Amino acid sequence: FNSESVKQNYKVTVFKTEDNGYGYMISIHKKILIKQHHIPAIQKDLPFCSYEDAKKIAELVKEKLAHKVNPSVSVKELDKLKIKTSCNTQ
């Protein structure tokens, strides 16, 4: 197994949430592994503000899965990727 081929088996899908934000799904061979409606690592249940933010975190989680590391996301990683945790600020 090389991690490049494994990584290509993971499929990232970004979706619109009921609360006008975004979430993401990671699946492999049509089997859903992770369905995330909210920004991970923060205390509130908030959706991602933009498609791009959800995609960035989904790609990070996909990388972690491909490298067989814990796919959880830290606040530090959210900051590093400049993920907005409040949608009403411009």
PDB file of N, CA and C in Angstrom:
ATOM      1  N   PHE A   1       0.831  -1.204   0.000  1.00  0.00           N
ATOM      2  CA  PHE A   1       0.000   0.000   0.000  1.00  0.00           C
ATOM      3  C   PHE A   1       0.861   1.247   0.000  1.00  0.00           C
ATOM      4  N   ASN A   2       0.616   2.149  -0.916  1.00  0.00           N
ATOM      5  CA  ASN A   2       1.268   3.441  -0.744  1.00  0.00           C
ATOM      6  C   ASN A   2       0.193   4.458  -0.399  1.00  0.00           C
ATOM      7  N   SER A   3       0.552   5.452   0.403  1.00  0.00           N
ATOM      8  CA  SER A   3      -0.472   6.348   0.943  1.00  0.00           C
ATOM      9  C   SER A   3      -1.134   7.200  -0.147  1.00  0.00           C
ATOM     10  N   GLU A   4      -0.453   7.414  -1.286  1.00  0.00           N
ATOM     11  CA  GLU A   4      -1.066   8.172  -2.378  1.00  0.00           C
ATOM     12  C   GLU A   4      -2.286   7.441  -2.923  1.00  0.00           C
ATOM     13  N   SER A   5      -2.149   6.135  -3.153  1.00  0.00           N
ATOM     14  CA  SER A   5      -3.286   5.394  -3.710  1.00  0.00           C
ATOM     15  C   SER A   5      -4.416   5.291  -2.688  1.00  0.00           C
ATOM     16  N   VAL A   6      -4.050   5.157  -1.416  1.00  0.00           N
ATOM     17  CA  VAL A   6      -5.071   5.104  -0.360  1.00  0.00           C
ATOM     18  C   VAL A   6      -5.814   6.433  -0.309  1.00  0.00           C
ATOM     19  N   LYS A   7      -5.058   7.529  -0.390  1.00  0.00           N
ATOM     20  CA  LYS A   7      -5.642   8.860  -0.307  1.00  0.00           C
ATOM     21  C   LYS A   7      -6.680   9.066  -1.418  1.00  0.00           C
ATOM     22  N   GLN A   8      -6.400   8.536  -2.603  1.00  0.00           N
ATOM     23  CA  GLN A   8      -7.334   8.712  -3.702  1.00  0.00           C
ATOM     24  C   GLN A   8      -8.625   7.932  -3.509  1.00  0.00           C
ATOM     25  N   ASN A   9      -8.621   6.940  -2.650  1.00  0.00           N
ATOM     26  CA  ASN A   9      -9.843   6.184  -2.379  1.00  0.00           C
ATOM     27  C   ASN A   9     -10.808   6.959  -1.492  1.00  0.00           C
ATOM     28  N   TYR A  10     -10.281   7.919  -0.725  1.00  0.00           N
ATOM     29  CA  TYR A  10     -11.133   8.729   0.138  1.00  0.00           C
ATOM     30  C   TYR A  10     -11.798   9.803  -0.701  1.00  0.00           C
ATOM     31  N   LYS A  11     -13.097   9.969  -0.509  1.00  0.00           N
ATOM     32  CA  LYS A  11     -13.835  10.973  -1.265  1.00  0.00           C
ATOM     33  C   LYS A  11     -14.361  12.024  -0.296  1.00  0.00           C
ATOM     34  N   VAL A  12     -14.086  13.277  -0.607  1.00  0.00           N
ATOM     35  CA  VAL A  12     -14.548  14.402   0.205  1.00  0.00           C
ATOM     36  C   VAL A  12     -15.775  15.012  -0.463  1.00  0.00           C
ATOM     37  N   THR A  13     -16.819  15.218   0.318  1.00  0.00           N
ATOM     38  CA  THR A  13     -18.021  15.888  -0.179  1.00  0.00           C
ATOM     39  C   THR A  13     -18.379  17.000   0.794  1.00  0.00           C
ATOM     40  N   VAL A  14     -18.533  18.208   0.271  1.00  0.00           N
ATOM     41  CA  VAL A  14     -18.956  19.330   1.114  1.00  0.00           C
ATOM     42  C   VAL A  14     -20.444  19.529   0.856  1.00  0.00           C
ATOM     43  N   PHE A  15     -21.201  19.727   1.920  1.00  0.00           N
ATOM     44  CA  PHE A  15     -22.648  19.904   1.761  1.00  0.00           C
ATOM     45  C   PHE A  15     -23.152  21.103   2.543  1.00  0.00           C
ATOM     46  N   LYS A  16     -24.305  21.606   2.127  1.00  0.00           N
ATOM     47  CA  LYS A  16     -24.964  22.728   2.797  1.00  0.00           C
ATOM     48  C   LYS A  16     -25.734  22.167   3.996  1.00  0.00           C
ATOM     49  N   THR A  17     -25.641  22.848   5.140  1.00  0.00           N
ATOM     50  CA  THR A  17     -26.358  22.394   6.331  1.00  0.00           C
ATOM     51  C   THR A  17     -27.675  23.160   6.458  1.00  0.00           C
ATOM     52  N   GLU A  18     -28.554  22.656   7.317  1.00  0.00           N
ATOM     53  CA  GLU A  18     -29.859  23.303   7.524  1.00  0.00           C
ATOM     54  C   GLU A  18     -29.725  24.724   8.053  1.00  0.00           C
ATOM     55  N   ASP A  19     -28.641  24.981   8.783  1.00  0.00           N
ATOM     56  CA  ASP A  19     -28.473  26.317   9.375  1.00  0.00           C
ATOM     57  C   ASP A  19     -27.630  27.246   8.494  1.00  0.00           C
ATOM     58  N   ASN A  20     -27.772  27.084   7.178  1.00  0.00           N
ATOM     59  CA  ASN A  20     -27.120  27.953   6.196  1.00  0.00           C
ATOM     60  C   ASN A  20     -25.599  27.976   6.245  1.00  0.00           C
ATOM     61  N   GLY A  21     -25.010  26.906   6.717  1.00  0.00           N
ATOM     62  CA  GLY A  21     -23.567  26.806   6.706  1.00  0.00           C
ATOM     63  C   GLY A  21     -23.174  25.610   5.860  1.00  0.00           C
ATOM     64  N   TYR A  22     -22.001  25.059   6.159  1.00  0.00           N
ATOM     65  CA  TYR A  22     -21.501  23.918   5.415  1.00  0.00           C
ATOM     66  C   TYR A  22     -20.955  22.860   6.351  1.00  0.00           C
ATOM     67  N   GLY A  23     -20.974  21.650   5.882  1.00  0.00           N
ATOM     68  CA  GLY A  23     -20.378  20.537   6.590  1.00  0.00           C
ATOM     69  C   GLY A  23     -19.639  19.698   5.561  1.00  0.00           C
ATOM     70  N   TYR A  24     -19.055  18.601   5.999  1.00  0.00           N
ATOM     71  CA  TYR A  24     -18.375  17.737   5.039  1.00  0.00           C
ATOM     72  C   TYR A  24     -18.553  16.274   5.399  1.00  0.00           C
ATOM     73  N   MET A  25     -18.311  15.469   4.400  1.00  0.00           N
ATOM     74  CA  MET A  25     -18.399  14.026   4.537  1.00  0.00           C
ATOM     75  C   MET A  25     -17.148  13.425   3.917  1.00  0.00           C
ATOM     76  N   ILE A  26     -16.631  12.400   4.552  1.00  0.00           N
ATOM     77  CA  ILE A  26     -15.518  11.656   3.960  1.00  0.00           C
ATOM     78  C   ILE A  26     -15.962  10.217   3.850  1.00  0.00           C
ATOM     79  N   SER A  27     -15.834   9.685   2.651  1.00  0.00           N
ATOM     80  CA  SER A  27     -16.252   8.306   2.430  1.00  0.00           C
ATOM     81  C   SER A  27     -15.151   7.551   1.698  1.00  0.00           C
ATOM     82  N   ILE A  28     -15.238   6.245   1.760  1.00  0.00           N
ATOM     83  CA  ILE A  28     -14.315   5.391   1.021  1.00  0.00           C
ATOM     84  C   ILE A  28     -15.142   4.237   0.470  1.00  0.00           C
ATOM     85  N   HIS A  29     -14.995   3.994  -0.802  1.00  0.00           N
ATOM     86  CA  HIS A  29     -15.783   2.958  -1.486  1.00  0.00           C
ATOM     87  C   HIS A  29     -17.265   3.077  -1.161  1.00  0.00           C
ATOM     88  N   LYS A  30     -17.800   4.287  -1.255  1.00  0.00           N
ATOM     89  CA  LYS A  30     -19.215   4.610  -1.009  1.00  0.00           C
ATOM     90  C   LYS A  30     -19.682   4.382   0.434  1.00  0.00           C
ATOM     91  N   LYS A  31     -18.748   4.151   1.356  1.00  0.00           N
ATOM     92  CA  LYS A  31     -19.091   3.965   2.758  1.00  0.00           C
ATOM     93  C   LYS A  31     -18.689   5.237   3.508  1.00  0.00           C
ATOM     94  N   ILE A  32     -19.658   5.863   4.187  1.00  0.00           N
ATOM     95  CA  ILE A  32     -19.374   7.108   4.906  1.00  0.00           C
ATOM     96  C   ILE A  32     -18.577   6.813   6.176  1.00  0.00           C
ATOM     97  N   LEU A  33     -17.420   7.454   6.287  1.00  0.00           N
ATOM     98  CA  LEU A  33     -16.582   7.297   7.484  1.00  0.00           C
ATOM     99  C   LEU A  33     -16.858   8.425   8.472  1.00  0.00           C
ATOM    100  N   ILE A  34     -16.952   9.635   7.938  1.00  0.00           N
ATOM    101  CA  ILE A  34     -17.130  10.810   8.790  1.00  0.00           C
ATOM    102  C   ILE A  34     -18.162  11.713   8.147  1.00  0.00           C
ATOM    103  N   LYS A  35     -19.134  12.145   8.935  1.00  0.00           N
ATOM    104  CA  LYS A  35     -20.087  13.151   8.471  1.00  0.00           C
ATOM    105  C   LYS A  35     -20.093  14.243   9.527  1.00  0.00           C
ATOM    106  N   GLN A  36     -19.569  15.388   9.161  1.00  0.00           N
ATOM    107  CA  GLN A  36     -19.348  16.468  10.113  1.00  0.00           C
ATOM    108  C   GLN A  36     -20.223  17.663   9.748  1.00  0.00           C
ATOM    109  N   HIS A  37     -21.227  17.936  10.583  1.00  0.00           N
ATOM    110  CA  HIS A  37     -22.129  19.065  10.339  1.00  0.00           C
ATOM    111  C   HIS A  37     -21.609  20.357  10.952  1.00  0.00           C
ATOM    112  N   HIS A  38     -20.674  20.236  11.888  1.00  0.00           N
ATOM    113  CA  HIS A  38     -20.191  21.402  12.632  1.00  0.00           C
ATOM    114  C   HIS A  38     -18.676  21.485  12.608  1.00  0.00           C
ATOM    115  N   ILE A  39     -18.180  22.664  12.910  1.00  0.00           N
ATOM    116  CA  ILE A  39     -16.735  22.866  12.995  1.00  0.00           C
ATOM    117  C   ILE A  39     -16.220  22.046  14.178  1.00  0.00           C
ATOM    118  N   PRO A  40     -15.258  21.173  13.943  1.00  0.00           N
ATOM    119  CA  PRO A  40     -14.721  20.380  15.064  1.00  0.00           C
ATOM    120  C   PRO A  40     -13.837  21.234  15.978  1.00  0.00           C
ATOM    121  N   ALA A  41     -13.619  20.760  17.182  1.00  0.00           N
ATOM    122  CA  ALA A  41     -12.665  21.343  18.143  1.00  0.00           C
ATOM    123  C   ALA A  41     -13.133  22.597  18.881  1.00  0.00           C
ATOM    124  N   ILE A  42     -14.255  23.187  18.470  1.00  0.00           N
ATOM    125  CA  ILE A  42     -14.729  24.361  19.209  1.00  0.00           C
ATOM    126  C   ILE A  42     -15.911  23.946  20.079  1.00  0.00           C
ATOM    127  N   GLN A  43     -16.207  24.761  21.076  1.00  0.00           N
ATOM    128  CA  GLN A  43     -17.227  24.398  22.065  1.00  0.00           C
ATOM    129  C   GLN A  43     -18.652  24.496  21.538  1.00  0.00           C
ATOM    130  N   LYS A  44     -18.873  25.328  20.533  1.00  0.00           N
ATOM    131  CA  LYS A  44     -20.239  25.525  20.028  1.00  0.00           C
ATOM    132  C   LYS A  44     -20.504  24.640  18.818  1.00  0.00           C
ATOM    133  N   ASP A  45     -21.774  24.327  18.587  1.00  0.00           N
ATOM    134  CA  ASP A  45     -22.162  23.580  17.396  1.00  0.00           C
ATOM    135  C   ASP A  45     -22.421  24.547  16.255  1.00  0.00           C
ATOM    136  N   LEU A  46     -21.358  24.964  15.594  1.00  0.00           N
ATOM    137  CA  LEU A  46     -21.493  25.918  14.505  1.00  0.00           C
ATOM    138  C   LEU A  46     -21.090  25.263  13.191  1.00  0.00           C
ATOM    139  N   PRO A  47     -21.836  25.543  12.123  1.00  0.00           N
ATOM    140  CA  PRO A  47     -21.446  25.010  10.820  1.00  0.00           C
ATOM    141  C   PRO A  47     -20.247  25.816  10.298  1.00  0.00           C
ATOM    142  N   PHE A  48     -19.601  25.295   9.277  1.00  0.00           N
ATOM    143  CA  PHE A  48     -18.549  26.068   8.619  1.00  0.00           C
ATOM    144  C   PHE A  48     -19.210  27.231   7.900  1.00  0.00           C
ATOM    145  N   CYS A  49     -18.543  28.385   7.872  1.00  0.00           N
ATOM    146  CA  CYS A  49     -19.110  29.586   7.259  1.00  0.00           C
ATOM    147  C   CYS A  49     -19.076  29.518   5.739  1.00  0.00           C
ATOM    148  N   SER A  50     -18.091  28.829   5.199  1.00  0.00           N
ATOM    149  CA  SER A  50     -17.953  28.794   3.744  1.00  0.00           C
ATOM    150  C   SER A  50     -17.640  27.388   3.258  1.00  0.00           C
ATOM    151  N   TYR A  51     -17.932  27.192   2.000  1.00  0.00           N
ATOM    152  CA  TYR A  51     -17.603  25.941   1.315  1.00  0.00           C
ATOM    153  C   TYR A  51     -16.098  25.682   1.445  1.00  0.00           C
ATOM    154  N   GLU A  52     -15.309  26.747   1.238  1.00  0.00           N
ATOM    155  CA  GLU A  52     -13.843  26.628   1.266  1.00  0.00           C
ATOM    156  C   GLU A  52     -13.334  26.151   2.620  1.00  0.00           C
ATOM    157  N   ASP A  53     -13.893  26.709   3.710  1.00  0.00           N
ATOM    158  CA  ASP A  53     -13.453  26.306   5.050  1.00  0.00           C
ATOM    159  C   ASP A  53     -13.748  24.822   5.296  1.00  0.00           C
ATOM    160  N   ALA A  54     -14.956  24.401   4.923  1.00  0.00           N
ATOM    161  CA  ALA A  54     -15.327  22.997   5.118  1.00  0.00           C
ATOM    162  C   ALA A  54     -14.403  22.099   4.297  1.00  0.00           C
ATOM    163  N   LYS A  55     -14.103  22.517   3.090  1.00  0.00           N
ATOM    164  CA  LYS A  55     -13.233  21.734   2.195  1.00  0.00           C
ATOM    165  C   LYS A  55     -11.821  21.623   2.767  1.00  0.00           C
ATOM    166  N   LYS A  56     -11.281  22.736   3.300  1.00  0.00           N
ATOM    167  CA  LYS A  56      -9.929  22.731   3.872  1.00  0.00           C
ATOM    168  C   LYS A  56      -9.814  21.707   5.004  1.00  0.00           C
ATOM    169  N   ILE A  57     -10.790  21.709   5.905  1.00  0.00           N
ATOM    170  CA  ILE A  57     -10.741  20.785   7.041  1.00  0.00           C
ATOM    171  C   ILE A  57     -10.986  19.354   6.574  1.00  0.00           C
ATOM    172  N   ALA A  58     -11.887  19.180   5.628  1.00  0.00           N
ATOM    173  CA  ALA A  58     -12.134  17.841   5.087  1.00  0.00           C
ATOM    174  C   ALA A  58     -10.861  17.267   4.463  1.00  0.00           C
ATOM    175  N   GLU A  59     -10.121  18.097   3.743  1.00  0.00           N
ATOM    176  CA  GLU A  59      -8.862  17.645   3.124  1.00  0.00           C
ATOM    177  C   GLU A  59      -7.826  17.291   4.190  1.00  0.00           C
ATOM    178  N   LEU A  60      -7.781  18.090   5.260  1.00  0.00           N
ATOM    179  CA  LEU A  60      -6.864  17.804   6.371  1.00  0.00           C
ATOM    180  C   LEU A  60      -7.203  16.448   7.004  1.00  0.00           C
ATOM    181  N   VAL A  61      -8.487  16.215   7.254  1.00  0.00           N
ATOM    182  CA  VAL A  61      -8.929  14.959   7.859  1.00  0.00           C
ATOM    183  C   VAL A  61      -8.649  13.787   6.914  1.00  0.00           C
ATOM    184  N   LYS A  62      -8.853  14.004   5.624  1.00  0.00           N
ATOM    185  CA  LYS A  62      -8.566  12.969   4.624  1.00  0.00           C
ATOM    186  C   LYS A  62      -7.079  12.576   4.665  1.00  0.00           C
ATOM    187  N   GLU A  63      -6.213  13.579   4.741  1.00  0.00           N
ATOM    188  CA  GLU A  63      -4.769  13.334   4.851  1.00  0.00           C
ATOM    189  C   GLU A  63      -4.459  12.474   6.077  1.00  0.00           C
ATOM    190  N   LYS A  64      -5.063  12.853   7.208  1.00  0.00           N
ATOM    191  CA  LYS A  64      -4.822  12.118   8.451  1.00  0.00           C
ATOM    192  C   LYS A  64      -5.282  10.667   8.319  1.00  0.00           C
ATOM    193  N   LEU A  65      -6.455  10.458   7.736  1.00  0.00           N
ATOM    194  CA  LEU A  65      -6.950   9.094   7.544  1.00  0.00           C
ATOM    195  C   LEU A  65      -6.008   8.292   6.645  1.00  0.00           C
ATOM    196  N   ALA A  66      -5.553   8.926   5.575  1.00  0.00           N
ATOM    197  CA  ALA A  66      -4.651   8.250   4.630  1.00  0.00           C
ATOM    198  C   ALA A  66      -3.333   7.862   5.292  1.00  0.00           C
ATOM    199  N   HIS A  67      -2.907   8.665   6.266  1.00  0.00           N
ATOM    200  CA  HIS A  67      -1.652   8.375   6.971  1.00  0.00           C
ATOM    201  C   HIS A  67      -1.883   7.608   8.271  1.00  0.00           C
ATOM    202  N   LYS A  68      -3.106   7.150   8.452  1.00  0.00           N
ATOM    203  CA  LYS A  68      -3.472   6.335   9.619  1.00  0.00           C
ATOM    204  C   LYS A  68      -3.181   7.018  10.955  1.00  0.00           C
ATOM    205  N   VAL A  69      -3.439   8.333  11.001  1.00  0.00           N
ATOM    206  CA  VAL A  69      -3.303   9.048  12.276  1.00  0.00           C
ATOM    207  C   VAL A  69      -4.698   9.480  12.735  1.00  0.00           C
ATOM    208  N   ASN A  70      -4.820   9.797  14.007  1.00  0.00           N
ATOM    209  CA  ASN A  70      -6.093  10.216  14.573  1.00  0.00           C
ATOM    210  C   ASN A  70      -6.651  11.391  13.756  1.00  0.00           C
ATOM    211  N   PRO A  71      -7.868  11.246  13.214  1.00  0.00           N
ATOM    212  CA  PRO A  71      -8.400  12.303  12.343  1.00  0.00           C
ATOM    213  C   PRO A  71      -9.012  13.500  13.062  1.00  0.00           C
ATOM    214  N   SER A  72      -8.876  13.548  14.401  1.00  0.00           N
ATOM    215  CA  SER A  72      -9.474  14.697  15.096  1.00  0.00           C
ATOM    216  C   SER A  72      -8.724  15.983  14.743  1.00  0.00           C
ATOM    217  N   VAL A  73      -9.424  17.098  14.850  1.00  0.00           N
ATOM    218  CA  VAL A  73      -8.895  18.402  14.465  1.00  0.00           C
ATOM    219  C   VAL A  73      -8.750  19.262  15.712  1.00  0.00           C
ATOM    220  N   SER A  74      -7.642  19.978  15.812  1.00  0.00           N
ATOM    221  CA  SER A  74      -7.409  20.835  16.983  1.00  0.00           C
ATOM    222  C   SER A  74      -7.720  22.293  16.664  1.00  0.00           C
ATOM    223  N   VAL A  75      -7.900  23.077  17.713  1.00  0.00           N
ATOM    224  CA  VAL A  75      -8.130  24.512  17.555  1.00  0.00           C
ATOM    225  C   VAL A  75      -6.934  25.142  16.841  1.00  0.00           C
ATOM    226  N   LYS A  76      -5.748  24.666  17.168  1.00  0.00           N
ATOM    227  CA  LYS A  76      -4.521  25.173  16.534  1.00  0.00           C
ATOM    228  C   LYS A  76      -4.568  24.963  15.012  1.00  0.00           C
ATOM    229  N   GLU A  77      -5.060  23.792  14.602  1.00  0.00           N
ATOM    230  CA  GLU A  77      -5.170  23.517  13.163  1.00  0.00           C
ATOM    231  C   GLU A  77      -6.223  24.416  12.509  1.00  0.00           C
ATOM    232  N   LEU A  78      -7.314  24.679  13.218  1.00  0.00           N
ATOM    233  CA  LEU A  78      -8.335  25.598  12.689  1.00  0.00           C
ATOM    234  C   LEU A  78      -7.709  26.976  12.468  1.00  0.00           C
ATOM    235  N   ASP A  79      -6.936  27.444  13.461  1.00  0.00           N
ATOM    236  CA  ASP A  79      -6.272  28.750  13.367  1.00  0.00           C
ATOM    237  C   ASP A  79      -5.284  28.776  12.207  1.00  0.00           C
ATOM    238  N   LYS A  80      -4.490  27.733  12.110  1.00  0.00           N
ATOM    239  CA  LYS A  80      -3.457  27.653  11.072  1.00  0.00           C
ATOM    240  C   LYS A  80      -4.080  27.731   9.673  1.00  0.00           C
ATOM    241  N   LEU A  81      -5.233  27.109   9.512  1.00  0.00           N
ATOM    242  CA  LEU A  81      -5.908  27.125   8.211  1.00  0.00           C
ATOM    243  C   LEU A  81      -6.866  28.317   8.066  1.00  0.00           C
ATOM    244  N   LYS A  82      -6.843  29.207   9.077  1.00  0.00           N
ATOM    245  CA  LYS A  82      -7.674  30.422   9.066  1.00  0.00           C
ATOM    246  C   LYS A  82      -9.158  30.112   8.869  1.00  0.00           C
ATOM    247  N   ILE A  83      -9.647  29.131   9.627  1.00  0.00           N
ATOM    248  CA  ILE A  83     -11.050  28.751   9.560  1.00  0.00           C
ATOM    249  C   ILE A  83     -11.858  29.723  10.415  1.00  0.00           C
ATOM    250  N   LYS A  84     -12.851  30.351   9.816  1.00  0.00           N
ATOM    251  CA  LYS A  84     -13.705  31.275  10.576  1.00  0.00           C
ATOM    252  C   LYS A  84     -14.617  30.473  11.504  1.00  0.00           C
ATOM    253  N   THR A  85     -14.660  30.869  12.776  1.00  0.00           N
ATOM    254  CA  THR A  85     -15.527  30.170  13.720  1.00  0.00           C
ATOM    255  C   THR A  85     -16.729  31.033  14.080  1.00  0.00           C
ATOM    256  N   SER A  86     -16.851  32.165  13.419  1.00  0.00           N
ATOM    257  CA  SER A  86     -18.035  33.005  13.589  1.00  0.00           C
ATOM    258  C   SER A  86     -18.394  33.572  12.219  1.00  0.00           C
ATOM    259  N   CYS A  87     -19.588  33.230  11.746  1.00  0.00           N
ATOM    260  CA  CYS A  87     -19.964  33.573  10.374  1.00  0.00           C
ATOM    261  C   CYS A  87     -20.444  35.005  10.190  1.00  0.00           C
ATOM    262  N   ASN A  88     -20.807  35.665  11.280  1.00  0.00           N
ATOM    263  CA  ASN A  88     -21.358  37.007  11.109  1.00  0.00           C
ATOM    264  C   ASN A  88     -20.296  38.110  11.093  1.00  0.00           C
ATOM    265  N   THR A  89     -19.021  37.744  11.190  1.00  0.00           N
ATOM    266  CA  THR A  89     -17.959  38.756  11.104  1.00  0.00           C
ATOM    267  C   THR A  89     -17.318  38.667   9.732  1.00  0.00           C
ATOM    268  N   GLN A  90     -17.054  39.796   9.166  1.00  0.00           N
ATOM    269  CA  GLN A  90     -16.485  39.836   7.807  1.00  0.00           C
ATOM    270  C   GLN A  90     -14.972  39.909   7.864  1.00  0.00           C
TER     271      GLN A  90
END
